[in-house]
N, C-alpha and C. Protein backbone atom coordinates (compact mmCIF):
# COMPACT_ATOMS: atom_id res chain seq x y z
N UNK A 1 -107.91 14.29 -27.96
CA UNK A 1 -107.48 15.51 -28.65
C UNK A 1 -106.82 16.47 -27.65
N UNK A 2 -105.62 16.90 -27.94
CA UNK A 2 -104.93 17.82 -27.05
C UNK A 2 -105.52 19.22 -27.17
N UNK A 3 -105.28 20.01 -26.14
CA UNK A 3 -105.76 21.39 -26.17
C UNK A 3 -104.98 22.18 -27.23
N UNK A 4 -105.72 23.03 -27.94
CA UNK A 4 -105.12 23.90 -28.94
C UNK A 4 -105.34 25.33 -28.46
N UNK A 5 -104.26 26.05 -28.21
CA UNK A 5 -104.34 27.38 -27.60
C UNK A 5 -104.06 28.48 -28.63
N UNK A 6 -105.07 29.31 -28.85
CA UNK A 6 -104.94 30.47 -29.74
C UNK A 6 -104.70 31.70 -28.88
N UNK A 7 -103.60 32.38 -29.11
CA UNK A 7 -103.34 33.65 -28.44
C UNK A 7 -103.95 34.77 -29.28
N UNK A 8 -104.86 35.51 -28.71
CA UNK A 8 -105.57 36.58 -29.43
C UNK A 8 -105.14 37.92 -28.86
N UNK A 9 -104.60 38.76 -29.73
CA UNK A 9 -104.13 40.06 -29.26
C UNK A 9 -104.39 41.13 -30.31
N UNK A 10 -104.12 42.35 -29.93
CA UNK A 10 -104.33 43.50 -30.80
C UNK A 10 -104.28 44.75 -29.95
N UNK A 11 -103.97 45.86 -30.55
CA UNK A 11 -103.86 47.10 -29.79
C UNK A 11 -105.23 47.62 -29.36
N UNK A 12 -105.23 48.61 -28.54
CA UNK A 12 -106.44 49.18 -27.98
C UNK A 12 -107.42 49.59 -29.09
N UNK A 13 -108.68 49.21 -28.92
CA UNK A 13 -109.78 49.56 -29.83
C UNK A 13 -109.62 48.99 -31.25
N UNK A 14 -108.76 47.97 -31.38
CA UNK A 14 -108.66 47.30 -32.68
C UNK A 14 -109.84 46.33 -32.88
N UNK A 15 -110.41 45.88 -31.76
CA UNK A 15 -111.55 44.97 -31.86
C UNK A 15 -111.26 43.56 -31.39
N UNK A 16 -110.25 43.43 -30.55
CA UNK A 16 -109.85 42.11 -30.03
C UNK A 16 -111.01 41.42 -29.32
N UNK A 17 -111.73 42.16 -28.49
CA UNK A 17 -112.84 41.56 -27.74
C UNK A 17 -113.98 41.15 -28.65
N UNK A 18 -114.19 41.91 -29.72
CA UNK A 18 -115.22 41.56 -30.71
C UNK A 18 -114.88 40.22 -31.35
N UNK A 19 -113.63 40.05 -31.72
CA UNK A 19 -113.19 38.78 -32.32
C UNK A 19 -113.27 37.66 -31.29
N UNK A 20 -112.91 37.96 -30.05
CA UNK A 20 -113.02 36.97 -28.98
C UNK A 20 -114.44 36.46 -28.81
N UNK A 21 -115.41 37.38 -28.89
CA UNK A 21 -116.81 36.99 -28.76
C UNK A 21 -117.24 36.12 -29.94
N UNK A 22 -116.77 36.45 -31.13
CA UNK A 22 -117.09 35.63 -32.31
C UNK A 22 -116.53 34.21 -32.15
N UNK A 23 -115.33 34.11 -31.62
CA UNK A 23 -114.72 32.79 -31.41
C UNK A 23 -115.48 32.01 -30.34
N UNK A 24 -115.97 32.72 -29.34
CA UNK A 24 -116.79 32.08 -28.30
C UNK A 24 -118.06 31.49 -28.93
N UNK A 25 -118.66 32.26 -29.83
CA UNK A 25 -119.88 31.80 -30.51
C UNK A 25 -119.60 30.60 -31.41
N UNK A 26 -118.37 30.48 -31.88
CA UNK A 26 -118.00 29.35 -32.74
C UNK A 26 -117.63 28.10 -31.92
N UNK A 27 -117.63 28.23 -30.60
CA UNK A 27 -117.41 27.06 -29.76
C UNK A 27 -116.10 27.00 -29.00
N UNK A 28 -115.28 28.03 -29.13
CA UNK A 28 -114.01 28.05 -28.38
C UNK A 28 -114.26 28.55 -26.95
N UNK A 29 -113.45 28.09 -26.03
CA UNK A 29 -113.43 28.67 -24.69
C UNK A 29 -112.54 29.91 -24.76
N UNK A 30 -113.00 31.01 -24.17
CA UNK A 30 -112.22 32.25 -24.22
C UNK A 30 -111.84 32.66 -22.80
N UNK A 31 -110.55 32.82 -22.58
CA UNK A 31 -110.03 33.32 -21.31
C UNK A 31 -109.54 34.75 -21.57
N UNK A 32 -110.19 35.70 -20.93
CA UNK A 32 -109.93 37.12 -21.17
C UNK A 32 -109.00 37.66 -20.09
N UNK A 33 -107.78 37.99 -20.48
CA UNK A 33 -106.79 38.47 -19.51
C UNK A 33 -107.22 39.80 -18.88
N UNK A 34 -107.95 40.63 -19.63
CA UNK A 34 -108.41 41.91 -19.07
C UNK A 34 -109.45 41.67 -17.97
N UNK A 35 -110.35 40.70 -18.21
CA UNK A 35 -111.34 40.36 -17.18
C UNK A 35 -110.64 39.78 -15.95
N UNK A 36 -109.60 38.97 -16.17
CA UNK A 36 -108.83 38.44 -15.05
C UNK A 36 -108.17 39.57 -14.26
N UNK A 37 -107.68 40.57 -14.99
CA UNK A 37 -107.06 41.72 -14.34
C UNK A 37 -108.05 42.40 -13.41
N UNK A 38 -109.29 42.59 -13.88
CA UNK A 38 -110.34 43.19 -13.05
C UNK A 38 -110.53 42.37 -11.77
N UNK A 39 -110.61 41.05 -11.93
CA UNK A 39 -110.83 40.17 -10.77
C UNK A 39 -109.67 40.24 -9.79
N UNK A 40 -108.46 40.23 -10.33
CA UNK A 40 -107.26 40.22 -9.48
C UNK A 40 -107.03 41.55 -8.78
N UNK A 41 -107.67 42.63 -9.31
CA UNK A 41 -107.50 43.95 -8.71
C UNK A 41 -108.59 44.27 -7.68
N UNK A 42 -109.48 43.31 -7.43
CA UNK A 42 -110.55 43.56 -6.47
C UNK A 42 -109.99 43.80 -5.07
N UNK A 43 -110.69 44.65 -4.33
CA UNK A 43 -110.28 44.98 -2.97
C UNK A 43 -110.14 43.70 -2.14
N UNK A 44 -109.04 43.61 -1.39
CA UNK A 44 -108.83 42.46 -0.55
C UNK A 44 -107.88 41.43 -1.13
N UNK A 45 -107.51 41.59 -2.39
CA UNK A 45 -106.57 40.64 -3.01
C UNK A 45 -105.13 41.12 -2.81
N UNK A 46 -104.16 40.21 -2.88
CA UNK A 46 -102.75 40.63 -2.77
C UNK A 46 -102.36 41.61 -3.88
N UNK A 47 -102.94 41.43 -5.07
CA UNK A 47 -102.62 42.33 -6.19
C UNK A 47 -103.12 43.74 -5.90
N UNK A 48 -104.32 43.85 -5.35
CA UNK A 48 -104.88 45.15 -4.95
C UNK A 48 -103.93 45.83 -3.96
N UNK A 49 -103.50 45.08 -2.96
CA UNK A 49 -102.62 45.66 -1.94
C UNK A 49 -101.32 46.17 -2.57
N UNK A 50 -100.77 45.40 -3.50
CA UNK A 50 -99.51 45.79 -4.14
C UNK A 50 -99.68 47.06 -4.97
N UNK A 51 -100.82 47.18 -5.67
CA UNK A 51 -101.07 48.37 -6.49
C UNK A 51 -101.24 49.61 -5.63
N UNK A 52 -102.00 49.48 -4.54
CA UNK A 52 -102.22 50.63 -3.65
C UNK A 52 -100.91 51.05 -3.01
N UNK A 53 -100.08 50.09 -2.64
CA UNK A 53 -98.77 50.40 -2.07
C UNK A 53 -97.91 51.17 -3.07
N UNK A 54 -97.97 50.74 -4.35
CA UNK A 54 -97.13 51.36 -5.38
C UNK A 54 -97.64 52.73 -5.83
N UNK A 55 -98.98 52.91 -5.85
CA UNK A 55 -99.55 54.12 -6.46
C UNK A 55 -100.24 55.06 -5.46
N UNK A 56 -100.50 54.59 -4.26
CA UNK A 56 -101.11 55.47 -3.25
C UNK A 56 -102.63 55.49 -3.29
N UNK A 57 -103.21 56.15 -2.28
CA UNK A 57 -104.67 56.17 -2.12
C UNK A 57 -105.39 57.02 -3.17
N UNK A 58 -104.66 57.82 -3.93
CA UNK A 58 -105.31 58.70 -4.91
C UNK A 58 -105.98 57.91 -6.05
N UNK A 59 -105.63 56.63 -6.18
CA UNK A 59 -106.22 55.82 -7.25
C UNK A 59 -107.46 55.06 -6.77
N UNK A 60 -107.89 55.33 -5.53
CA UNK A 60 -109.03 54.60 -4.99
C UNK A 60 -110.33 55.38 -5.18
N UNK A 61 -111.38 54.64 -5.49
CA UNK A 61 -112.72 55.22 -5.56
C UNK A 61 -113.28 55.35 -4.14
N UNK A 62 -114.42 55.99 -4.00
CA UNK A 62 -115.03 56.17 -2.67
C UNK A 62 -115.35 54.82 -2.03
N UNK A 63 -115.62 53.82 -2.85
CA UNK A 63 -115.94 52.49 -2.34
C UNK A 63 -114.71 51.78 -1.75
N UNK A 64 -113.53 52.31 -2.05
CA UNK A 64 -112.30 51.67 -1.61
C UNK A 64 -111.66 50.81 -2.69
N UNK A 65 -112.41 50.54 -3.76
CA UNK A 65 -111.87 49.80 -4.88
C UNK A 65 -110.97 50.67 -5.74
N UNK A 66 -110.25 50.04 -6.64
CA UNK A 66 -109.36 50.79 -7.53
C UNK A 66 -110.20 51.51 -8.59
N UNK A 67 -109.95 52.79 -8.72
CA UNK A 67 -110.60 53.61 -9.76
C UNK A 67 -109.78 53.42 -11.03
N UNK A 68 -110.24 52.52 -11.90
CA UNK A 68 -109.44 52.17 -13.08
C UNK A 68 -109.16 53.35 -14.01
N UNK A 69 -110.13 54.24 -14.26
CA UNK A 69 -109.80 55.43 -15.07
C UNK A 69 -108.70 56.29 -14.44
N UNK A 70 -108.73 56.44 -13.12
CA UNK A 70 -107.69 57.24 -12.44
C UNK A 70 -106.33 56.56 -12.58
N UNK A 71 -106.30 55.25 -12.39
CA UNK A 71 -105.05 54.51 -12.55
C UNK A 71 -104.58 54.57 -13.99
N UNK A 72 -105.52 54.42 -14.92
CA UNK A 72 -105.19 54.48 -16.35
C UNK A 72 -104.59 55.81 -16.75
N UNK A 73 -105.15 56.90 -16.19
CA UNK A 73 -104.65 58.24 -16.52
C UNK A 73 -103.19 58.39 -16.10
N UNK A 74 -102.82 57.75 -15.01
CA UNK A 74 -101.43 57.82 -14.53
C UNK A 74 -100.51 56.99 -15.42
N UNK A 75 -100.88 55.72 -15.65
CA UNK A 75 -99.94 54.82 -16.31
C UNK A 75 -99.84 55.06 -17.81
N UNK A 76 -100.93 55.51 -18.44
CA UNK A 76 -100.84 55.75 -19.88
C UNK A 76 -100.06 57.02 -20.21
N UNK A 77 -99.89 57.89 -19.22
CA UNK A 77 -99.14 59.12 -19.45
C UNK A 77 -97.68 59.01 -19.00
N UNK A 78 -97.32 57.86 -18.38
CA UNK A 78 -95.97 57.74 -17.81
C UNK A 78 -95.47 56.30 -18.00
N UNK A 79 -94.56 56.09 -18.95
CA UNK A 79 -94.07 54.74 -19.23
C UNK A 79 -93.48 54.03 -18.02
N UNK A 80 -92.81 54.77 -17.13
CA UNK A 80 -92.22 54.15 -15.95
C UNK A 80 -93.29 53.62 -15.01
N UNK A 81 -94.37 54.39 -14.85
CA UNK A 81 -95.46 53.96 -13.98
C UNK A 81 -96.21 52.78 -14.61
N UNK A 82 -96.30 52.79 -15.93
CA UNK A 82 -96.93 51.66 -16.63
C UNK A 82 -96.13 50.39 -16.38
N UNK A 83 -94.80 50.49 -16.45
CA UNK A 83 -93.95 49.33 -16.19
C UNK A 83 -94.14 48.82 -14.76
N UNK A 84 -94.27 49.74 -13.82
CA UNK A 84 -94.50 49.35 -12.43
C UNK A 84 -95.78 48.53 -12.30
N UNK A 85 -96.85 49.01 -12.94
CA UNK A 85 -98.12 48.29 -12.88
C UNK A 85 -98.00 46.92 -13.55
N UNK A 86 -97.32 46.87 -14.68
CA UNK A 86 -97.17 45.60 -15.40
C UNK A 86 -96.36 44.59 -14.59
N UNK A 87 -95.35 45.08 -13.86
CA UNK A 87 -94.54 44.18 -13.03
C UNK A 87 -95.37 43.55 -11.91
N UNK A 88 -96.42 44.25 -11.49
CA UNK A 88 -97.33 43.70 -10.48
C UNK A 88 -98.33 42.74 -11.14
N UNK A 89 -98.89 43.16 -12.28
CA UNK A 89 -100.01 42.43 -12.86
C UNK A 89 -99.60 41.21 -13.67
N UNK A 90 -98.54 41.29 -14.46
CA UNK A 90 -98.22 40.20 -15.39
C UNK A 90 -98.02 38.84 -14.71
N UNK A 91 -97.25 38.77 -13.62
CA UNK A 91 -97.09 37.45 -12.98
C UNK A 91 -98.41 36.91 -12.43
N UNK A 92 -99.21 37.79 -11.83
CA UNK A 92 -100.49 37.35 -11.25
C UNK A 92 -101.44 36.85 -12.33
N UNK A 93 -101.51 37.59 -13.43
CA UNK A 93 -102.39 37.19 -14.54
C UNK A 93 -101.89 35.89 -15.17
N UNK A 94 -100.58 35.74 -15.31
CA UNK A 94 -100.00 34.54 -15.92
C UNK A 94 -100.36 33.28 -15.11
N UNK A 95 -100.24 33.38 -13.80
CA UNK A 95 -100.54 32.22 -12.94
C UNK A 95 -102.01 31.84 -13.05
N UNK A 96 -102.90 32.83 -12.94
CA UNK A 96 -104.33 32.53 -12.99
C UNK A 96 -104.76 32.07 -14.39
N UNK A 97 -104.15 32.65 -15.42
CA UNK A 97 -104.47 32.23 -16.80
C UNK A 97 -104.13 30.77 -17.01
N UNK A 98 -102.94 30.38 -16.57
CA UNK A 98 -102.50 28.99 -16.74
C UNK A 98 -103.42 28.03 -16.00
N UNK A 99 -103.85 28.44 -14.82
CA UNK A 99 -104.76 27.59 -14.04
C UNK A 99 -106.07 27.37 -14.81
N UNK A 100 -106.58 28.44 -15.41
CA UNK A 100 -107.87 28.33 -16.12
C UNK A 100 -107.73 27.57 -17.44
N UNK A 101 -106.60 27.72 -18.10
CA UNK A 101 -106.36 26.95 -19.33
C UNK A 101 -106.36 25.46 -19.02
N UNK A 102 -105.66 25.09 -17.98
CA UNK A 102 -105.56 23.68 -17.61
C UNK A 102 -106.92 23.12 -17.17
N UNK A 103 -107.74 23.97 -16.56
CA UNK A 103 -109.03 23.51 -16.03
C UNK A 103 -110.14 23.49 -17.08
N UNK A 104 -109.90 24.13 -18.23
CA UNK A 104 -110.97 24.23 -19.24
C UNK A 104 -111.31 22.86 -19.85
N UNK A 105 -112.61 22.58 -19.98
CA UNK A 105 -113.00 21.31 -20.61
C UNK A 105 -112.93 21.35 -22.14
N UNK A 106 -112.80 22.56 -22.70
CA UNK A 106 -112.78 22.71 -24.16
C UNK A 106 -111.40 22.33 -24.72
N UNK A 107 -111.40 21.85 -25.97
CA UNK A 107 -110.14 21.50 -26.62
C UNK A 107 -109.49 22.70 -27.31
N UNK A 108 -110.33 23.62 -27.80
CA UNK A 108 -109.79 24.83 -28.42
C UNK A 108 -110.05 25.99 -27.47
N UNK A 109 -108.96 26.61 -27.05
CA UNK A 109 -109.03 27.68 -26.06
C UNK A 109 -108.40 28.94 -26.66
N UNK A 110 -109.08 30.06 -26.44
CA UNK A 110 -108.57 31.35 -26.89
C UNK A 110 -108.11 32.13 -25.66
N UNK A 111 -106.86 32.56 -25.68
CA UNK A 111 -106.34 33.39 -24.60
C UNK A 111 -106.23 34.81 -25.14
N UNK A 112 -107.12 35.67 -24.66
CA UNK A 112 -107.24 37.03 -25.19
C UNK A 112 -106.48 38.00 -24.28
N UNK A 113 -105.45 38.65 -24.82
CA UNK A 113 -104.63 39.54 -23.99
C UNK A 113 -103.98 40.62 -24.85
N UNK A 114 -104.17 41.87 -24.46
CA UNK A 114 -103.56 42.97 -25.21
C UNK A 114 -102.03 42.91 -25.11
N UNK A 115 -101.52 42.43 -23.97
CA UNK A 115 -100.06 42.37 -23.75
C UNK A 115 -99.52 40.94 -23.90
N UNK A 116 -100.16 40.15 -24.70
CA UNK A 116 -99.77 38.75 -24.89
C UNK A 116 -98.29 38.62 -25.23
N UNK A 117 -97.84 39.38 -26.21
CA UNK A 117 -96.47 39.28 -26.69
C UNK A 117 -95.51 39.99 -25.73
N UNK A 118 -95.89 41.20 -25.31
CA UNK A 118 -95.02 41.98 -24.44
C UNK A 118 -94.79 41.29 -23.10
N UNK A 119 -95.78 40.53 -22.64
CA UNK A 119 -95.66 39.85 -21.35
C UNK A 119 -94.96 38.50 -21.46
N UNK A 120 -94.53 38.15 -22.69
CA UNK A 120 -93.78 36.91 -22.87
C UNK A 120 -94.63 35.66 -22.87
N UNK A 121 -95.93 35.80 -23.17
CA UNK A 121 -96.80 34.63 -23.13
C UNK A 121 -97.12 34.05 -24.52
N UNK A 122 -96.50 34.61 -25.56
CA UNK A 122 -96.76 34.11 -26.91
C UNK A 122 -96.27 32.68 -27.09
N UNK A 123 -95.18 32.34 -26.42
CA UNK A 123 -94.57 31.02 -26.60
C UNK A 123 -95.46 29.88 -26.14
N UNK A 124 -96.40 30.17 -25.25
CA UNK A 124 -97.27 29.10 -24.75
C UNK A 124 -98.41 28.78 -25.72
N UNK A 125 -98.56 29.61 -26.76
CA UNK A 125 -99.69 29.47 -27.70
C UNK A 125 -99.31 28.64 -28.92
N UNK A 126 -100.30 27.92 -29.45
CA UNK A 126 -100.10 27.17 -30.69
C UNK A 126 -100.21 28.07 -31.92
N UNK A 127 -100.97 29.15 -31.79
CA UNK A 127 -101.13 30.12 -32.88
C UNK A 127 -101.36 31.49 -32.27
N UNK A 128 -100.94 32.51 -32.99
CA UNK A 128 -101.14 33.90 -32.55
C UNK A 128 -102.04 34.60 -33.57
N UNK A 129 -103.19 35.06 -33.11
CA UNK A 129 -104.09 35.86 -33.94
C UNK A 129 -103.94 37.32 -33.53
N UNK A 130 -103.69 38.18 -34.52
CA UNK A 130 -103.55 39.61 -34.25
C UNK A 130 -104.69 40.35 -34.94
N UNK A 131 -105.42 41.13 -34.15
CA UNK A 131 -106.51 41.95 -34.69
C UNK A 131 -105.97 43.36 -34.93
N UNK A 132 -106.19 43.86 -36.12
CA UNK A 132 -105.72 45.21 -36.46
C UNK A 132 -106.90 46.07 -36.92
N UNK A 133 -106.72 47.38 -36.85
CA UNK A 133 -107.70 48.33 -37.38
C UNK A 133 -106.94 49.59 -37.76
N UNK A 134 -107.49 50.32 -38.71
CA UNK A 134 -106.86 51.58 -39.12
C UNK A 134 -106.84 52.56 -37.95
N UNK A 135 -105.78 53.38 -37.82
CA UNK A 135 -105.68 54.30 -36.68
C UNK A 135 -106.89 55.21 -36.52
N UNK A 136 -107.46 55.68 -37.62
CA UNK A 136 -108.62 56.57 -37.50
C UNK A 136 -109.83 55.82 -36.94
N UNK A 137 -109.92 54.53 -37.23
CA UNK A 137 -111.00 53.71 -36.69
C UNK A 137 -110.80 53.52 -35.19
N UNK A 138 -109.58 53.24 -34.77
CA UNK A 138 -109.27 53.11 -33.34
C UNK A 138 -109.65 54.40 -32.60
N UNK A 139 -109.26 55.52 -33.17
CA UNK A 139 -109.51 56.82 -32.53
C UNK A 139 -111.01 57.06 -32.35
N UNK A 140 -111.77 56.80 -33.42
CA UNK A 140 -113.23 57.00 -33.33
C UNK A 140 -113.85 56.09 -32.29
N UNK A 141 -113.39 54.84 -32.23
CA UNK A 141 -113.95 53.90 -31.25
C UNK A 141 -113.67 54.35 -29.82
N UNK A 142 -112.44 54.79 -29.56
CA UNK A 142 -112.10 55.22 -28.21
C UNK A 142 -112.92 56.45 -27.81
N UNK A 143 -113.11 57.36 -28.72
CA UNK A 143 -113.86 58.58 -28.40
C UNK A 143 -115.35 58.27 -28.24
N UNK A 144 -115.87 57.38 -29.09
CA UNK A 144 -117.30 57.08 -29.06
C UNK A 144 -117.65 56.08 -27.95
N UNK A 145 -116.90 54.96 -27.89
CA UNK A 145 -117.25 53.87 -26.98
C UNK A 145 -116.80 54.12 -25.54
N UNK A 146 -115.70 54.86 -25.38
CA UNK A 146 -115.17 55.05 -24.02
C UNK A 146 -115.25 56.51 -23.57
N UNK A 147 -115.86 57.34 -24.40
CA UNK A 147 -116.06 58.76 -24.07
C UNK A 147 -114.75 59.48 -23.73
N UNK A 148 -113.70 59.13 -24.46
CA UNK A 148 -112.42 59.80 -24.25
C UNK A 148 -112.31 61.03 -25.15
N UNK A 149 -111.59 62.03 -24.68
CA UNK A 149 -111.29 63.15 -25.56
C UNK A 149 -110.31 62.68 -26.63
N UNK A 150 -110.18 63.45 -27.70
CA UNK A 150 -109.25 63.07 -28.76
C UNK A 150 -107.82 62.98 -28.21
N UNK A 151 -107.46 63.94 -27.34
CA UNK A 151 -106.10 63.94 -26.77
C UNK A 151 -105.86 62.69 -25.93
N UNK A 152 -106.84 62.33 -25.08
CA UNK A 152 -106.69 61.14 -24.24
C UNK A 152 -106.64 59.87 -25.08
N UNK A 153 -107.47 59.82 -26.12
CA UNK A 153 -107.50 58.65 -27.00
C UNK A 153 -106.16 58.49 -27.70
N UNK A 154 -105.61 59.58 -28.20
CA UNK A 154 -104.31 59.52 -28.89
C UNK A 154 -103.20 59.11 -27.93
N UNK A 155 -103.26 59.58 -26.68
CA UNK A 155 -102.26 59.21 -25.68
C UNK A 155 -102.26 57.70 -25.47
N UNK A 156 -103.45 57.12 -25.40
CA UNK A 156 -103.55 55.67 -25.17
C UNK A 156 -103.07 54.88 -26.38
N UNK A 157 -103.41 55.36 -27.57
CA UNK A 157 -102.95 54.69 -28.79
C UNK A 157 -101.42 54.76 -28.87
N UNK A 158 -100.88 55.95 -28.59
CA UNK A 158 -99.43 56.16 -28.72
C UNK A 158 -98.63 55.47 -27.62
N UNK A 159 -99.30 55.09 -26.51
CA UNK A 159 -98.58 54.44 -25.41
C UNK A 159 -98.26 52.98 -25.73
N UNK A 160 -98.87 52.44 -26.79
CA UNK A 160 -98.65 51.05 -27.14
C UNK A 160 -97.65 50.92 -28.29
N UNK A 161 -96.97 49.77 -28.34
CA UNK A 161 -96.08 49.55 -29.49
C UNK A 161 -96.90 49.57 -30.78
N UNK A 162 -96.29 49.92 -31.92
CA UNK A 162 -97.04 49.92 -33.18
C UNK A 162 -97.57 48.53 -33.50
N UNK A 163 -98.72 48.45 -34.20
CA UNK A 163 -99.30 47.15 -34.53
C UNK A 163 -98.33 46.22 -35.26
N UNK A 164 -97.40 46.81 -36.01
CA UNK A 164 -96.45 46.00 -36.77
C UNK A 164 -95.63 45.09 -35.87
N UNK A 165 -95.42 45.52 -34.59
CA UNK A 165 -94.66 44.69 -33.64
C UNK A 165 -95.42 43.41 -33.32
N UNK A 166 -96.74 43.50 -33.26
CA UNK A 166 -97.55 42.32 -33.00
C UNK A 166 -97.70 41.47 -34.27
N UNK A 167 -97.88 42.14 -35.40
CA UNK A 167 -98.10 41.44 -36.67
C UNK A 167 -96.93 40.52 -37.01
N UNK A 168 -95.72 40.89 -36.58
CA UNK A 168 -94.54 40.04 -36.83
C UNK A 168 -94.71 38.64 -36.23
N UNK A 169 -95.52 38.53 -35.20
CA UNK A 169 -95.73 37.26 -34.51
C UNK A 169 -96.93 36.49 -35.05
N UNK A 170 -97.69 37.10 -35.94
CA UNK A 170 -99.02 36.59 -36.27
C UNK A 170 -99.02 35.32 -37.11
N UNK A 171 -99.84 34.35 -36.69
CA UNK A 171 -100.20 33.22 -37.54
C UNK A 171 -101.40 33.60 -38.39
N UNK A 172 -102.27 34.44 -37.80
CA UNK A 172 -103.49 34.91 -38.46
C UNK A 172 -103.64 36.40 -38.19
N UNK A 173 -103.97 37.17 -39.22
CA UNK A 173 -104.25 38.60 -39.06
C UNK A 173 -105.71 38.84 -39.40
N UNK A 174 -106.45 39.45 -38.47
CA UNK A 174 -107.85 39.80 -38.69
C UNK A 174 -107.93 41.32 -38.80
N UNK A 175 -108.37 41.82 -39.96
CA UNK A 175 -108.52 43.26 -40.16
C UNK A 175 -109.95 43.65 -39.77
N UNK A 176 -110.07 44.35 -38.67
CA UNK A 176 -111.37 44.73 -38.13
C UNK A 176 -111.68 46.21 -38.39
N UNK A 177 -111.21 46.72 -39.53
CA UNK A 177 -111.46 48.13 -39.85
C UNK A 177 -112.83 48.33 -40.49
N UNK A 178 -113.38 47.24 -41.06
CA UNK A 178 -114.64 47.37 -41.80
C UNK A 178 -115.85 46.94 -40.99
N UNK A 179 -116.81 46.32 -41.66
CA UNK A 179 -118.06 45.93 -41.01
C UNK A 179 -117.86 44.67 -40.16
N UNK A 180 -118.80 44.44 -39.26
CA UNK A 180 -118.76 43.23 -38.44
C UNK A 180 -118.89 41.98 -39.30
N UNK A 181 -119.69 42.08 -40.36
CA UNK A 181 -119.86 40.93 -41.26
C UNK A 181 -118.53 40.56 -41.93
N UNK A 182 -117.76 41.58 -42.33
CA UNK A 182 -116.45 41.33 -42.95
C UNK A 182 -115.50 40.68 -41.94
N UNK A 183 -115.54 41.17 -40.71
CA UNK A 183 -114.68 40.60 -39.66
C UNK A 183 -115.09 39.15 -39.39
N UNK A 184 -116.40 38.92 -39.29
CA UNK A 184 -116.89 37.57 -38.98
C UNK A 184 -116.46 36.58 -40.06
N UNK A 185 -116.47 36.99 -41.31
CA UNK A 185 -116.05 36.10 -42.41
C UNK A 185 -114.59 35.68 -42.23
N UNK A 186 -113.76 36.64 -41.86
CA UNK A 186 -112.34 36.34 -41.64
C UNK A 186 -112.15 35.39 -40.45
N UNK A 187 -112.89 35.65 -39.38
CA UNK A 187 -112.78 34.84 -38.17
C UNK A 187 -113.24 33.42 -38.43
N UNK A 188 -114.38 33.26 -39.08
CA UNK A 188 -114.91 31.92 -39.35
C UNK A 188 -113.96 31.11 -40.23
N UNK A 189 -113.41 31.76 -41.26
CA UNK A 189 -112.49 31.05 -42.16
C UNK A 189 -111.23 30.60 -41.41
N UNK A 190 -110.67 31.50 -40.61
CA UNK A 190 -109.45 31.17 -39.87
C UNK A 190 -109.72 30.11 -38.80
N UNK A 191 -110.88 30.19 -38.16
CA UNK A 191 -111.21 29.22 -37.12
C UNK A 191 -111.41 27.82 -37.73
N UNK A 192 -112.11 27.78 -38.84
CA UNK A 192 -112.33 26.49 -39.50
C UNK A 192 -111.01 25.86 -39.93
N UNK A 193 -110.09 26.70 -40.40
CA UNK A 193 -108.77 26.19 -40.81
C UNK A 193 -108.01 25.67 -39.58
N UNK A 194 -108.16 26.38 -38.45
CA UNK A 194 -107.50 25.93 -37.21
C UNK A 194 -108.04 24.59 -36.74
N UNK A 195 -109.38 24.46 -36.77
CA UNK A 195 -110.00 23.21 -36.35
C UNK A 195 -109.58 22.08 -37.26
N UNK A 196 -109.56 22.35 -38.57
CA UNK A 196 -109.20 21.31 -39.54
C UNK A 196 -107.76 20.85 -39.35
N UNK A 197 -106.86 21.80 -39.12
CA UNK A 197 -105.44 21.45 -38.98
C UNK A 197 -105.18 20.74 -37.66
N UNK A 198 -105.99 21.08 -36.65
CA UNK A 198 -105.77 20.47 -35.35
C UNK A 198 -106.53 19.16 -35.19
N UNK A 199 -107.63 19.03 -35.93
CA UNK A 199 -108.47 17.84 -35.79
C UNK A 199 -107.88 16.66 -36.52
């Protein structure tokens, strides 16, 4: 059986990671591009050096590591600075993601990435799953789960392309505006259909 790659994406606080965890529980291998980003930004890596060179020491925590909230505050408020960061991160994440996909023993693999489409990685996937949520739900999650002010939360939501840009690519749309049980029902049905079509 050949590997079947599901690209999982969605805008900030739509619930992409929640769906990723559900897919993991259903038996898929999940490769999380955000977690890879954290690893690649660790002190001592070439990616870390490139980011510090581009953004300066003001983004460093006392430990010497990258202060992600400080970096986030810069890039989410300035599209040019966001592009600079993406030009550093996207190639590094793409290389490591491909290595992990090839090394995975699982046949069904989920590649979870907020910038899946924008980074040009949709073409490598057999299916694209897009997680959506109502804007007011996203706002509440960002304020509650990440302790952001309303202004900061709105800045982050507005810094991303509208969900409709991702939905245009979707093989599967998961609406995560309601309860976890409702989301799980959608995920299980879509996953079973994927397994059936691929098996």
